[in-house]
Protein backbone atom coordinates (compact mmCIF):
# COMPACT_ATOMS: atom_id res chain seq x y z
CA MET A 1 13.64 -0.86 -59.51
CA THR A 2 12.25 -4.13 -58.13
CA SER A 3 11.46 -4.31 -54.42
CA ILE A 4 10.09 -7.10 -52.24
CA TYR A 5 7.75 -6.48 -49.31
CA GLU A 6 6.80 -9.12 -46.74
CA TRP A 7 3.02 -9.39 -46.56
CA ASN A 8 1.05 -10.58 -43.54
CA GLU A 9 0.88 -14.37 -43.97
CA ASP A 10 -2.63 -14.38 -42.52
CA MET A 11 -3.68 -12.89 -45.84
CA GLY A 12 -2.30 -15.90 -47.70
CA MET A 13 0.61 -14.08 -49.31
CA LYS A 14 4.33 -14.11 -48.64
CA ASN A 15 5.93 -11.62 -51.01
CA VAL A 16 4.86 -8.79 -53.24
CA VAL A 17 7.29 -8.01 -56.07
CA LEU A 18 6.99 -4.58 -57.70
CA GLN A 19 7.17 -4.50 -61.49
CA GLY A 20 6.45 -1.09 -63.01
CA LYS A 21 4.78 2.23 -62.22
CA ILE A 22 1.23 2.47 -63.58
CA GLY A 23 -0.18 5.58 -61.93
CA GLN A 24 0.31 8.73 -59.89
CA GLY A 25 -1.98 9.99 -57.14
CA CYS A 26 -2.15 13.23 -55.19
CA TYR A 27 0.55 12.06 -52.76
CA GLY A 28 1.64 8.63 -53.96
CA GLU A 29 2.56 6.34 -56.82
CA VAL A 30 0.88 3.12 -57.93
CA TYR A 31 2.79 0.09 -59.24
CA LYS A 32 1.81 -3.18 -60.82
CA ALA A 33 3.14 -6.07 -58.75
CA ILE A 34 3.09 -9.84 -58.40
CA ALA A 35 1.78 -11.34 -55.15
CA GLU A 36 3.39 -14.69 -54.40
CA SER A 37 1.22 -17.04 -52.35
CA THR A 38 2.44 -18.93 -49.28
CA SER A 39 -0.03 -21.75 -49.82
CA SER A 40 1.22 -24.90 -51.56
CA THR A 41 -2.28 -25.51 -52.93
CA SER A 42 -2.81 -22.03 -54.31
CA GLU A 43 -2.91 -21.00 -57.93
CA LEU A 44 -0.20 -19.09 -59.76
CA PRO A 45 1.01 -15.73 -58.35
CA SER A 46 -1.59 -13.02 -58.87
CA ASP A 47 -1.31 -9.49 -60.21
CA VAL A 48 -1.98 -6.71 -57.70
CA ALA A 49 -1.58 -2.94 -57.56
CA VAL A 50 0.62 -1.37 -54.88
CA LYS A 51 0.30 2.25 -53.71
CA LYS A 52 3.29 3.90 -52.01
CA ILE A 53 3.45 7.44 -50.67
CA THR A 54 6.07 9.70 -52.22
CA HIS A 55 5.56 12.71 -49.93
CA ARG A 56 6.19 11.68 -46.34
CA SER A 57 4.95 14.81 -44.60
CA PRO A 58 2.67 14.34 -41.58
CA SER A 59 -0.34 15.51 -43.61
CA CYS A 60 0.36 13.04 -46.44
CA LEU A 61 0.85 10.18 -43.97
CA ALA A 62 -2.47 11.11 -42.35
CA ASP A 63 -4.15 11.18 -45.79
CA PHE A 64 -2.74 7.77 -46.62
CA GLU A 65 -3.92 6.28 -43.33
CA ARG A 66 -7.38 7.73 -43.92
CA GLU A 67 -7.47 6.33 -47.47
CA ILE A 68 -6.60 2.87 -46.12
CA ALA A 69 -9.23 3.12 -43.39
CA ILE A 70 -11.91 4.12 -45.91
CA MET A 71 -11.02 1.45 -48.49
CA LYS A 72 -10.93 -1.25 -45.82
CA GLY A 73 -14.68 -0.90 -45.30
CA LEU A 74 -15.69 -0.88 -48.98
CA LYS A 75 -16.99 -3.87 -50.93
CA HIS A 76 -18.69 -3.20 -54.28
CA PRO A 77 -18.15 -4.56 -57.81
CA ASN A 78 -17.61 -1.03 -59.17
CA ILE A 79 -15.03 0.03 -56.57
CA VAL A 80 -11.41 -1.10 -56.60
CA GLU A 81 -10.93 -3.67 -53.84
CA MET A 82 -8.33 -3.35 -51.11
CA LYS A 83 -6.38 -6.59 -50.60
CA GLY A 84 -4.24 -5.68 -47.61
CA VAL A 85 -1.54 -3.44 -46.15
CA LEU A 86 2.19 -3.97 -45.75
CA GLN A 87 3.82 -2.33 -42.73
CA ASP A 88 7.53 -3.02 -43.23
CA PRO A 89 9.84 -1.54 -44.45
CA GLU A 90 7.20 1.12 -45.22
CA VAL A 91 3.43 1.29 -45.29
CA VAL A 92 2.01 0.34 -48.69
CA LEU A 93 -1.54 -0.35 -49.82
CA ILE A 94 -2.26 -3.54 -51.79
CA MET A 95 -5.25 -3.38 -54.15
CA GLU A 96 -6.74 -5.47 -56.91
CA TYR A 97 -5.06 -4.92 -60.27
CA VAL A 98 -7.43 -3.54 -62.89
CA PRO A 99 -5.83 -4.48 -66.22
CA LEU A 100 -6.94 -1.92 -68.80
CA GLY A 101 -5.84 1.23 -67.01
CA SER A 102 -7.61 4.56 -66.59
CA LEU A 103 -10.90 5.24 -68.33
CA LYS A 104 -9.53 8.53 -69.66
CA ALA A 105 -6.69 6.80 -71.50
CA TYR A 106 -8.80 3.81 -72.56
CA ILE A 107 -11.57 5.77 -74.29
CA SER A 108 -9.04 8.04 -75.97
CA VAL A 109 -7.06 5.14 -77.44
CA ASN A 110 -10.15 3.10 -78.42
CA LYS A 111 -12.34 5.90 -79.77
CA GLU A 112 -12.77 4.21 -83.16
CA ARG A 113 -14.71 1.25 -81.77
CA LEU A 114 -16.43 2.47 -78.58
CA LEU A 115 -20.10 3.45 -78.93
CA PRO A 116 -21.64 6.24 -76.82
CA GLU A 117 -25.07 4.53 -76.63
CA ASP A 118 -23.49 1.21 -75.65
CA HIS A 119 -20.11 1.29 -73.93
CA PHE A 120 -20.33 4.83 -72.55
CA LEU A 121 -23.76 4.39 -71.00
CA LYS A 122 -22.53 1.21 -69.30
CA TYR A 123 -19.45 2.98 -67.92
CA SER A 124 -21.70 5.80 -66.69
CA LEU A 125 -23.98 3.27 -65.00
CA ASP A 126 -21.11 1.46 -63.30
CA VAL A 127 -19.73 4.66 -61.82
CA ALA A 128 -23.18 5.84 -60.69
CA GLU A 129 -23.84 2.53 -58.94
CA GLY A 130 -20.46 2.67 -57.21
CA MET A 131 -21.06 6.27 -56.13
CA ALA A 132 -24.55 5.41 -54.84
CA TYR A 133 -22.88 2.78 -52.65
CA LEU A 134 -20.31 5.31 -51.38
CA GLY A 135 -23.16 7.64 -50.45
CA GLN A 136 -24.75 4.87 -48.42
CA GLN A 137 -21.45 4.57 -46.53
CA ASN A 138 -21.51 8.36 -45.90
CA ILE A 139 -18.33 8.85 -47.93
CA VAL A 140 -17.62 11.76 -50.27
CA HIS A 141 -14.99 10.96 -52.95
CA ARG A 142 -13.91 14.52 -53.87
CA ASP A 143 -11.79 13.40 -56.85
CA LEU A 144 -14.21 11.73 -59.24
CA ALA A 145 -12.74 12.01 -62.74
CA ALA A 146 -11.97 9.75 -65.71
CA ARG A 147 -8.34 9.46 -64.58
CA ASN A 148 -9.60 7.86 -61.33
CA VAL A 149 -11.91 5.31 -62.93
CA LEU A 150 -10.23 2.06 -64.03
CA VAL A 151 -11.32 -0.27 -66.82
CA ALA A 152 -11.70 -3.94 -65.85
CA ASN A 153 -12.95 -5.03 -69.29
CA GLU A 154 -14.73 -3.58 -72.30
CA TYR A 155 -18.00 -3.31 -70.35
CA SER A 156 -16.94 -2.82 -66.73
CA VAL A 157 -15.23 0.00 -64.80
CA LYS A 158 -14.30 0.61 -61.16
CA ILE A 159 -13.85 3.76 -59.07
CA SER A 160 -10.35 4.20 -57.64
CA ASP A 161 -8.08 6.67 -55.78
CA PHE A 162 -9.59 7.55 -52.43
CA GLY A 163 -6.72 9.86 -51.53
CA LEU A 164 -9.05 12.87 -51.11
CA ALA A 165 -12.07 10.94 -49.82
CA GLN A 166 -13.62 11.84 -46.49
CA VAL A 167 -16.23 10.37 -44.18
CA MET A 168 -19.00 12.93 -43.79
CA GLY A 169 -20.33 13.79 -40.36
CA ASN A 170 -23.92 14.00 -39.20
CA SER A 171 -24.29 17.18 -41.23
CA ASN A 172 -23.90 15.12 -44.44
CA TYR A 173 -21.09 17.28 -45.77
CA TYR A 174 -17.36 17.81 -45.28
CA LEU A 175 -15.74 21.23 -44.92
CA LEU A 176 -12.25 21.73 -46.34
CA LYS A 177 -9.79 22.24 -43.49
CA THR A 178 -6.42 22.75 -45.23
CA ASN A 179 -5.18 24.56 -48.30
CA ARG A 180 -3.93 22.16 -50.98
CA ASP A 181 -3.90 21.62 -54.73
CA LEU A 182 -7.33 20.38 -55.76
CA PRO A 183 -8.95 19.35 -59.08
CA ILE A 184 -11.05 22.52 -59.32
CA ARG A 185 -12.34 21.89 -62.87
CA TRP A 186 -14.37 18.98 -61.47
CA TYR A 187 -15.70 20.91 -58.47
CA ALA A 188 -19.15 22.28 -57.71
CA PRO A 189 -19.66 26.00 -57.01
CA GLU A 190 -20.19 25.44 -53.29
CA SER A 191 -16.93 23.50 -53.10
CA LEU A 192 -15.04 26.33 -54.81
CA SER A 193 -16.60 29.13 -52.77
CA ASP A 194 -17.09 27.56 -49.33
CA GLY A 195 -14.96 24.39 -49.34
CA LYS A 196 -18.15 22.36 -48.86
CA PHE A 197 -18.23 18.78 -50.16
CA SER A 198 -21.19 16.39 -50.12
CA ALA A 199 -22.92 13.71 -52.16
CA ALA A 200 -24.32 16.59 -54.24
CA SER A 201 -20.84 17.95 -55.01
CA ASP A 202 -19.80 14.43 -56.07
CA VAL A 203 -22.83 14.47 -58.40
CA TRP A 204 -21.49 17.67 -59.98
CA SER A 205 -18.10 15.99 -60.48
CA TYR A 206 -19.90 13.01 -61.98
CA GLY A 207 -21.42 15.35 -64.56
CA VAL A 208 -17.91 16.48 -65.51
CA LEU A 209 -16.86 12.84 -65.70
CA LEU A 210 -19.74 12.23 -68.13
CA TYR A 211 -18.42 15.07 -70.26
CA GLU A 212 -15.00 13.37 -70.30
CA ILE A 213 -16.53 10.03 -71.25
CA PHE A 214 -18.80 11.27 -74.05
CA SER A 215 -16.08 13.52 -75.48
CA PHE A 216 -13.73 10.50 -75.71
CA GLY A 217 -11.41 11.75 -73.00
CA ALA A 218 -11.28 15.49 -73.71
CA ASP A 219 -10.18 17.76 -70.87
CA PRO A 220 -13.12 19.60 -69.23
CA ILE A 221 -11.96 23.14 -70.01
CA LEU A 222 -14.77 25.63 -69.49
CA ASP A 223 -12.77 28.55 -70.89
CA ALA A 224 -9.24 28.66 -72.30
CA ASN A 225 -8.45 31.67 -70.09
CA CYS A 226 -9.80 30.05 -66.92
CA SER A 227 -6.95 28.83 -64.73
CA ASP A 228 -7.87 29.92 -61.19
CA THR A 229 -10.67 29.28 -58.74
CA LYS A 230 -12.10 32.81 -58.77
CA THR A 231 -12.43 32.96 -62.57
CA LEU A 232 -13.96 29.48 -62.75
CA LEU A 233 -16.45 30.29 -60.00
CA ASN A 234 -17.53 33.50 -61.75
CA LEU A 235 -18.15 31.56 -64.97
CA LEU A 236 -20.22 28.95 -63.14
CA LYS A 237 -22.23 31.62 -61.33
CA SER A 238 -22.98 33.10 -64.76
CA ASN A 239 -24.52 29.71 -65.68
CA ILE A 240 -21.79 28.91 -68.18
CA ARG A 241 -21.40 25.15 -68.52
CA LEU A 242 -19.35 22.70 -70.58
CA PRO A 243 -20.87 22.22 -74.07
CA CYS A 244 -22.50 19.06 -75.35
CA PRO A 245 -19.76 16.85 -76.87
CA PRO A 246 -20.23 16.29 -80.64
CA LYS A 247 -21.13 12.58 -80.42
CA CYS A 248 -23.02 12.73 -77.14
CA PRO A 249 -26.73 11.83 -77.32
CA SER A 250 -28.78 14.93 -76.51
CA GLU A 251 -30.68 13.02 -73.83
CA VAL A 252 -27.45 12.33 -71.96
CA TYR A 253 -26.47 15.99 -72.03
CA VAL A 254 -29.91 17.36 -71.07
CA ASP A 255 -31.18 14.66 -68.70
CA LEU A 256 -27.88 13.82 -67.01
CA MET A 257 -25.03 16.34 -67.38
CA MET A 258 -27.07 19.52 -67.09
CA GLU A 259 -29.05 18.10 -64.18
CA CYS A 260 -25.79 17.33 -62.36
CA TRP A 261 -24.67 20.94 -62.94
CA LYS A 262 -27.59 22.67 -61.23
CA SER A 263 -26.29 25.65 -59.26
CA ASP A 264 -28.46 24.76 -56.26
CA HIS A 265 -27.08 21.52 -54.85
CA ARG A 266 -30.56 20.58 -53.60
CA GLU A 267 -31.82 20.43 -57.19
CA ARG A 268 -29.23 17.93 -58.40
CA PRO A 269 -30.31 14.29 -58.75
CA SER A 270 -29.13 11.64 -56.32
CA PHE A 271 -26.94 8.83 -57.64
CA LYS A 272 -29.91 6.49 -57.13
CA ASN A 273 -31.96 8.67 -59.49
CA ILE A 274 -29.05 8.85 -61.93
CA VAL A 275 -28.93 5.05 -62.05
CA GLN A 276 -32.64 4.98 -62.90
CA THR A 277 -32.21 7.59 -65.65
CA ILE A 278 -29.31 5.71 -67.24
CA ASN A 279 -31.22 2.43 -67.16
CA LYS A 280 -34.10 4.12 -69.00
CA LEU A 281 -31.70 5.51 -71.62
CA ARG A 282 -30.10 2.08 -72.06
CA ASN A 283 -33.49 0.45 -72.49
CA ILE A 284 -34.40 3.00 -75.18
CA SER A 285 -31.10 2.49 -77.05
CA ASN A 286 -31.49 -1.30 -76.85
CA GLY A 287 -35.17 -1.24 -77.73
């Protein structure tokens, strides 16, 4: 169904017209939309993405307000940009429209022409650079996965969906405060056992994202019988890890994925170090 929302004219837009649903978040839906400009000298109407909340509980509203507050302060080429917020008739978040959809779907559909040593290393670099920036802003994403990375073009991706993101305190970590459904297959052992999230737990999730990328979108299933937090945690404590995907360069698995999956969070690389490692691997593959 098409809806029209009045946008703050100070932002240079008059109307936003919803077109079709393109995504689903932890508490909301994302639509492609057309933003109609109020300026007589402006270009044609532009494509945008609109996020609406579908669960209007106090906790979901608080999550949405936090997501907006976090995105408002972010500016990086590898992070989806917030364009504005509509307040009436309901609060909606306006973001840049990233045309090629989720990385998970994109690499699965285009597996015949995408090259691990070329495209996949570049996607990995883009995400690492975006995550390094988030760390500088003291933000933990908590939902880093291929479904939450969007493809701008064949060689560029952007991190999206900050619905679970949190600003870390002076302790440099965030402690889970409420029980909720969480993407446990992407979570570090300390997040599963103690509800502790940090830049290091995002690094673990990044390692799982790398597995998704280099397996052309496969689900990160550690064990077919593993469906609950306790079982998953026991497997991880036994040093069982996701296997090397068939077409993944061994250097990526050994020097990146396995390093991200160190049991001791202090031994995992920083995103700054990950960027350096990927650049070295790209130089070797291009050399």
